[in-house]
Structures are given as structure tokens and as C-alpha cells.
Amino acid sequence: MSFCSKKDLNFLNHCKNCQRNISKLPELFKHEGFTGKLKSSVTVPAVVHNKVANCLFVGMGKKHTGQKSIEIEQFRRAVGTVVRQTASLKTTSLALRLPSAKLFGCTTDYLIKQAVIILNMASYQFADFWTDKERKGTQLIEVMLCGDIKDKKMAQHAIDEGQCIADAVNNTRYLIDMPPSSMTPTDLANKATAIAKKHKDLKLTIFNEKEIIKMGMGGLAGVARVLIKSVNCYFRI
């Protein structure tokens, strides 16, 4: 998934086009029962540059009693809803209008980073053993982050950091999702070793079967022994 940041002039024009095409947008929201409730959504088709585009409105909820700002987790959940809805619309590209960071009591770069993390995490699928190719559905390929982004260097740094965190999370989820027969403790230790070699400041310690039993983790060694003959089944980073 590729990201880019851009000031929202074009996005605002698209919203105006949407409103012109559907002159009674508030009435439509009322008809659909859309009030901005957390994770609620409504899709409005519009014609932009002679092409049909879907304008997706997703609720982020409201501030809880006694709080000065909306919780950032509500934004994260709303972004997750965006990903699920775009998948149902078979959309490969998305222009995401970022709300003001002030609503959440955070900085713009933090908001951008969270958006990138959730866009990637919500798009994750473990499909290695799926035989039905259509089950994978449509995946987002390109995302444009729109908003009042004045410092593009800062925005790009936030995008890169968010992408790095999301990749780490999704790669870990992938290893966890693999069946034991395809990802033995030794395989996992080997992957950890490969990662440690790429990062000189990362220390890695691998324990063999005898060391694991000595530490009182015989159950772990017993489970691993069923999978492989030679066990190096525990590592510490």
C-alpha cells in the first residue's frame, strides 16, 4: 500500500461536487439514520470528472463525559471501518480526509501515523492456504491522506514511521497465524536470527531444548518435540 499526503483542496472540491449532485445531503443522512455514531457509515455515489466515485462518511462518535477531546482509539476504529467499507465497494484507491488533530488532543504527525498504522492493519489478511482466490476480495493499493498538512517533511516522516510499525505488527501476526507444522519453533528462531543480523543493536539469545527444560518449561519443549526432532524452541530479544 502506498501513501502520499496532500492539502485537501481537491478533496474539498470533490465534496462540493458530491453535495451538488445530491443537494439534500443532510436529509439523506437523516433518512439513513446516520448521526456520526462510532463506526456507523453511509456511502454516497457522486460523479467526479465524469467518473463515478463513492463518498464514504464514517462516524467517529463523540467526547465522553468529562473529557476534553475525543479518544484517539475512536479515530482508529473509524479508519478500520473505512477499510472494511472500501473493500465491500471493491475500491483500490482511497482519498482519506483527516480530521483536525485538535479534536483528539494530539499532534498532526501522530494522527497521520495512527491513520497509516490502522489502514495497514485493517487490510491484513492471512490467505496462504485459501483456495478460493475471490475470497481475498479487493485490496487497497493507494491512499491519499488529505488535510491541512503544512509540513510535508513531517507528514512523510509520520507516514514512514506508521508504515514501519504496521509492517512489524502484520509480519508478527503472519508468523502467529502460520500453523505449527509450517512454522516450527526452530523456523521462528531462524527468522529471529535473520532479523537480528540486519540490526546490529538487537541482541538475540536462543535456548536449546536442554536449557528450556532446565528453566522449568518442559511443557513447551514437549509440544515442540512433537513438531521437530531437533529443537531450538525458545528465543529472547
Protein backbone atom coordinates (compact mmCIF):
# COMPACT_ATOMS: atom_id res chain seq x y z
CA MET A 1 0.00 0.00 0.00
CA SER A 2 1.43 3.38 -0.98
CA PHE A 3 0.70 6.64 0.80
CA CYS A 4 1.00 10.30 -0.10
CA SER A 5 -0.01 13.46 1.72
CA LYS A 6 -1.70 16.43 0.10
CA LYS A 7 -3.56 19.55 1.09
CA ASP A 8 -7.27 18.96 0.80
CA LEU A 9 -8.19 21.44 -1.94
CA ASN A 10 -9.11 18.71 -4.43
CA PHE A 11 -10.83 16.72 -1.73
CA LEU A 12 -12.97 19.69 -0.76
CA ASN A 13 -13.90 20.19 -4.41
CA HIS A 14 -14.97 16.56 -4.59
CA CYS A 15 -17.14 17.05 -1.52
CA LYS A 16 -18.72 20.10 -3.14
CA ASN A 17 -19.37 18.05 -6.28
CA CYS A 18 -20.94 15.39 -4.11
CA GLN A 19 -23.16 17.96 -2.44
CA ARG A 20 -24.15 19.46 -5.79
CA ASN A 21 -25.03 16.02 -7.14
CA ILE A 22 -27.04 15.26 -4.03
CA SER A 23 -28.40 18.63 -2.96
CA LYS A 24 -30.08 17.34 0.16
CA LEU A 25 -27.20 15.54 1.84
CA PRO A 26 -28.41 16.26 5.41
CA GLU A 27 -31.80 14.81 4.51
CA LEU A 28 -30.07 11.70 3.15
CA PHE A 29 -28.14 11.30 6.41
CA LYS A 30 -31.40 11.59 8.33
CA HIS A 31 -33.07 9.03 6.07
CA GLU A 32 -30.18 6.59 6.56
CA GLY A 33 -30.13 7.24 10.30
CA PHE A 34 -26.54 8.49 10.10
CA THR A 35 -25.72 10.66 13.10
CA GLY A 36 -21.96 10.20 13.33
CA LYS A 37 -22.16 7.34 15.82
CA LEU A 38 -18.85 5.50 16.18
CA LYS A 39 -18.20 3.12 13.25
CA SER A 40 -21.52 3.97 11.57
CA SER A 41 -21.28 4.81 7.88
CA VAL A 42 -23.15 5.91 4.80
CA THR A 43 -21.99 5.79 1.18
CA VAL A 44 -22.96 8.46 -1.34
CA PRO A 45 -22.19 7.91 -5.06
CA ALA A 46 -21.05 11.02 -6.94
CA VAL A 47 -19.74 11.91 -10.39
CA VAL A 48 -16.25 13.42 -10.33
CA HIS A 49 -14.58 14.31 -13.64
CA ASN A 50 -17.12 12.15 -15.48
CA LYS A 51 -16.29 9.16 -13.30
CA VAL A 52 -18.34 7.58 -10.56
CA ALA A 53 -16.78 7.93 -7.12
CA ASN A 54 -18.10 6.80 -3.76
CA CYS A 55 -18.08 9.34 -0.94
CA LEU A 56 -17.92 7.39 2.31
CA PHE A 57 -18.89 9.13 5.53
CA VAL A 58 -17.86 7.33 8.74
CA GLY A 59 -18.80 8.32 12.28
CA MET A 60 -16.16 8.84 14.97
CA GLY A 61 -18.55 9.21 17.89
CA LYS A 62 -18.32 11.99 20.43
CA LYS A 63 -16.40 13.02 23.51
CA HIS A 64 -17.16 11.06 26.64
CA THR A 65 -18.50 12.95 29.63
CA GLY A 66 -15.76 14.84 31.42
CA GLN A 67 -13.22 14.50 28.60
CA LYS A 68 -11.74 17.47 26.76
CA SER A 69 -11.17 15.62 23.50
CA ILE A 70 -12.27 12.55 21.54
CA GLU A 71 -10.24 9.42 22.28
CA ILE A 72 -7.73 8.59 19.54
CA GLU A 73 -8.99 4.99 19.65
CA GLN A 74 -12.29 6.22 18.21
CA PHE A 75 -10.40 7.59 15.21
CA ARG A 76 -8.54 4.31 14.83
CA ARG A 77 -11.80 2.34 14.83
CA ALA A 78 -13.35 4.73 12.33
CA VAL A 79 -10.38 4.21 10.00
CA GLY A 80 -10.81 0.46 10.35
CA THR A 81 -14.43 0.88 9.29
CA VAL A 82 -13.26 2.86 6.24
CA VAL A 83 -11.05 -0.05 5.16
CA ARG A 84 -13.84 -2.61 5.56
CA GLN A 85 -16.32 -0.44 3.65
CA THR A 86 -13.89 0.26 0.80
CA ALA A 87 -13.33 -3.48 0.49
CA SER A 88 -17.07 -4.04 0.14
CA LEU A 89 -17.12 -1.33 -2.55
CA LYS A 90 -14.22 -3.08 -4.35
CA THR A 91 -12.14 0.07 -4.20
CA THR A 92 -8.38 0.03 -4.80
CA SER A 93 -7.69 3.72 -4.17
CA LEU A 94 -8.80 5.98 -1.35
CA ALA A 95 -8.62 9.70 -0.54
CA LEU A 96 -8.92 9.96 3.24
CA ARG A 97 -9.79 13.36 4.69
CA LEU A 98 -8.02 13.63 8.03
CA PRO A 99 -9.95 15.38 10.79
CA SER A 100 -8.30 18.09 12.87
CA ALA A 101 -5.77 16.68 15.33
CA LYS A 102 -7.12 19.14 17.90
CA LEU A 103 -10.27 17.02 18.17
CA PHE A 104 -8.14 14.28 19.73
CA GLY A 105 -5.74 16.45 21.69
CA CYS A 106 -2.77 15.23 19.68
CA THR A 107 -0.35 16.48 17.02
CA THR A 108 -0.95 16.19 13.28
CA ASP A 109 2.01 13.87 12.79
CA TYR A 110 0.70 11.50 15.47
CA LEU A 111 -2.73 11.45 13.79
CA ILE A 112 -1.15 10.68 10.42
CA LYS A 113 0.93 7.89 11.94
CA GLN A 114 -2.15 6.31 13.54
CA ALA A 115 -4.07 6.51 10.26
CA VAL A 116 -1.28 4.71 8.38
CA ILE A 117 -0.97 2.02 11.06
CA ILE A 118 -4.69 1.20 11.09
CA LEU A 119 -5.08 1.39 7.30
CA ASN A 120 -2.43 -1.32 7.02
CA MET A 121 -3.55 -3.41 9.99
CA ALA A 122 -7.19 -3.41 8.90
CA SER A 123 -6.11 -4.53 5.42
CA TYR A 124 -4.20 -7.55 6.75
CA GLN A 125 -5.30 -10.99 5.58
CA PHE A 126 -3.79 -14.40 6.22
CA ALA A 127 -4.52 -16.02 2.88
CA ASP A 128 -1.67 -18.50 2.42
CA PHE A 129 -3.99 -21.51 2.47
CA TRP A 130 -7.06 -20.04 0.81
CA THR A 131 -8.00 -21.97 -2.31
CA ASP A 132 -10.76 -19.56 -3.35
CA LYS A 133 -8.97 -16.58 -4.91
CA GLU A 134 -12.14 -14.48 -4.90
CA ARG A 135 -12.25 -14.72 -1.12
CA LYS A 136 -9.33 -12.30 -0.89
CA GLY A 137 -11.52 -9.55 -2.29
CA THR A 138 -10.25 -6.16 -3.37
CA GLN A 139 -7.25 -4.71 -1.54
CA LEU A 140 -6.39 -1.03 -1.15
CA ILE A 141 -3.34 -0.18 -3.25
CA GLU A 142 -3.08 3.58 -2.94
CA VAL A 143 -4.17 6.00 -0.21
CA MET A 144 -4.06 9.79 -0.37
CA LEU A 145 -4.11 11.49 3.04
CA CYS A 146 -5.82 14.85 2.70
CA GLY A 147 -5.94 17.63 5.24
CA ASP A 148 -4.38 20.84 6.44
CA ILE A 149 -0.86 19.44 6.15
CA LYS A 150 1.61 22.33 6.02
CA ASP A 151 4.82 20.44 6.80
CA LYS A 152 5.21 17.75 4.15
CA LYS A 153 8.54 16.59 5.57
CA MET A 154 6.89 15.97 8.92
CA ALA A 155 3.98 14.22 7.25
CA GLN A 156 6.26 11.93 5.26
CA HIS A 157 8.20 11.05 8.41
CA ALA A 158 4.93 10.17 10.16
CA ILE A 159 3.87 8.06 7.17
CA ASP A 160 7.19 6.19 7.13
CA GLU A 161 7.08 5.58 10.89
CA GLY A 162 3.48 4.39 10.74
CA GLN A 163 4.29 2.08 7.82
CA CYS A 164 7.24 0.62 9.73
CA ILE A 165 5.12 -0.09 12.82
CA ALA A 166 2.28 -1.56 10.76
CA ASP A 167 4.67 -3.82 8.83
CA ALA A 168 6.14 -5.09 12.10
CA VAL A 169 2.68 -5.80 13.54
CA ASN A 170 1.40 -7.52 10.40
CA ASN A 171 4.57 -9.58 9.99
CA THR A 172 4.21 -10.74 13.59
CA ARG A 173 0.54 -11.59 13.01
CA TYR A 174 1.59 -13.61 9.97
CA LEU A 175 4.06 -15.67 12.00
CA ILE A 176 1.43 -16.28 14.68
CA ASP A 177 -1.20 -17.27 12.12
CA MET A 178 1.03 -19.88 10.50
CA PRO A 179 0.13 -23.44 11.56
CA PRO A 180 2.71 -25.16 13.82
CA SER A 181 3.64 -27.62 11.08
CA SER A 182 4.66 -24.72 8.81
CA MET A 183 6.23 -22.52 11.48
CA THR A 184 8.11 -24.68 13.99
CA PRO A 185 9.99 -23.15 16.95
CA THR A 186 13.22 -23.65 15.02
CA ASP A 187 11.79 -21.83 12.00
CA LEU A 188 10.73 -18.97 14.26
CA ALA A 189 14.18 -18.83 15.88
CA ASN A 190 15.80 -18.78 12.43
CA LYS A 191 13.64 -15.86 11.38
CA ALA A 192 14.55 -14.02 14.58
CA THR A 193 18.22 -14.66 13.85
CA ALA A 194 17.86 -13.24 10.35
CA ILE A 195 16.24 -10.09 11.77
CA ALA A 196 18.94 -9.72 14.43
CA LYS A 197 21.68 -9.90 11.76
CA LYS A 198 20.14 -6.92 9.99
CA HIS A 199 20.19 -4.81 13.16
CA LYS A 200 23.50 -4.63 15.00
CA ASP A 201 21.94 -3.13 18.16
CA LEU A 202 19.48 -6.01 18.53
CA LYS A 203 20.62 -8.75 20.92
CA LEU A 204 19.24 -12.25 20.42
CA THR A 205 19.58 -15.26 22.71
CA ILE A 206 18.37 -18.69 21.60
CA PHE A 207 17.86 -21.52 24.10
CA ASN A 208 18.02 -25.18 23.11
CA GLU A 209 15.83 -27.98 24.42
CA LYS A 210 18.01 -28.86 27.41
CA GLU A 211 18.18 -25.24 28.51
CA ILE A 212 14.43 -24.86 28.20
CA ILE A 213 13.78 -27.95 30.34
CA LYS A 214 16.30 -26.70 32.91
CA MET A 215 14.34 -23.46 33.15
CA GLY A 216 11.24 -25.45 34.07
CA MET A 217 9.49 -25.15 30.70
CA GLY A 218 9.21 -28.85 29.94
CA GLY A 219 5.69 -28.42 28.58
CA LEU A 220 6.95 -26.05 25.89
CA ALA A 221 9.74 -28.44 24.95
CA GLY A 222 7.30 -31.35 24.85
CA VAL A 223 4.95 -29.59 22.45
CA ALA A 224 7.87 -28.57 20.24
CA ARG A 225 9.28 -32.12 20.22
CA VAL A 226 6.15 -33.35 18.50
CA LEU A 227 6.81 -30.97 15.62
CA ILE A 228 10.53 -31.37 15.09
CA LYS A 229 13.38 -33.67 16.01
CA SER A 230 15.99 -31.03 16.80
CA VAL A 231 14.58 -28.25 18.93
CA ASN A 232 15.83 -24.71 19.44
CA CYS A 233 12.43 -23.57 20.51
CA TYR A 234 12.77 -20.50 22.63
CA PHE A 235 14.43 -17.19 21.98
CA ARG A 236 14.68 -13.91 23.80
CA ILE A 237 15.15 -10.48 22.20
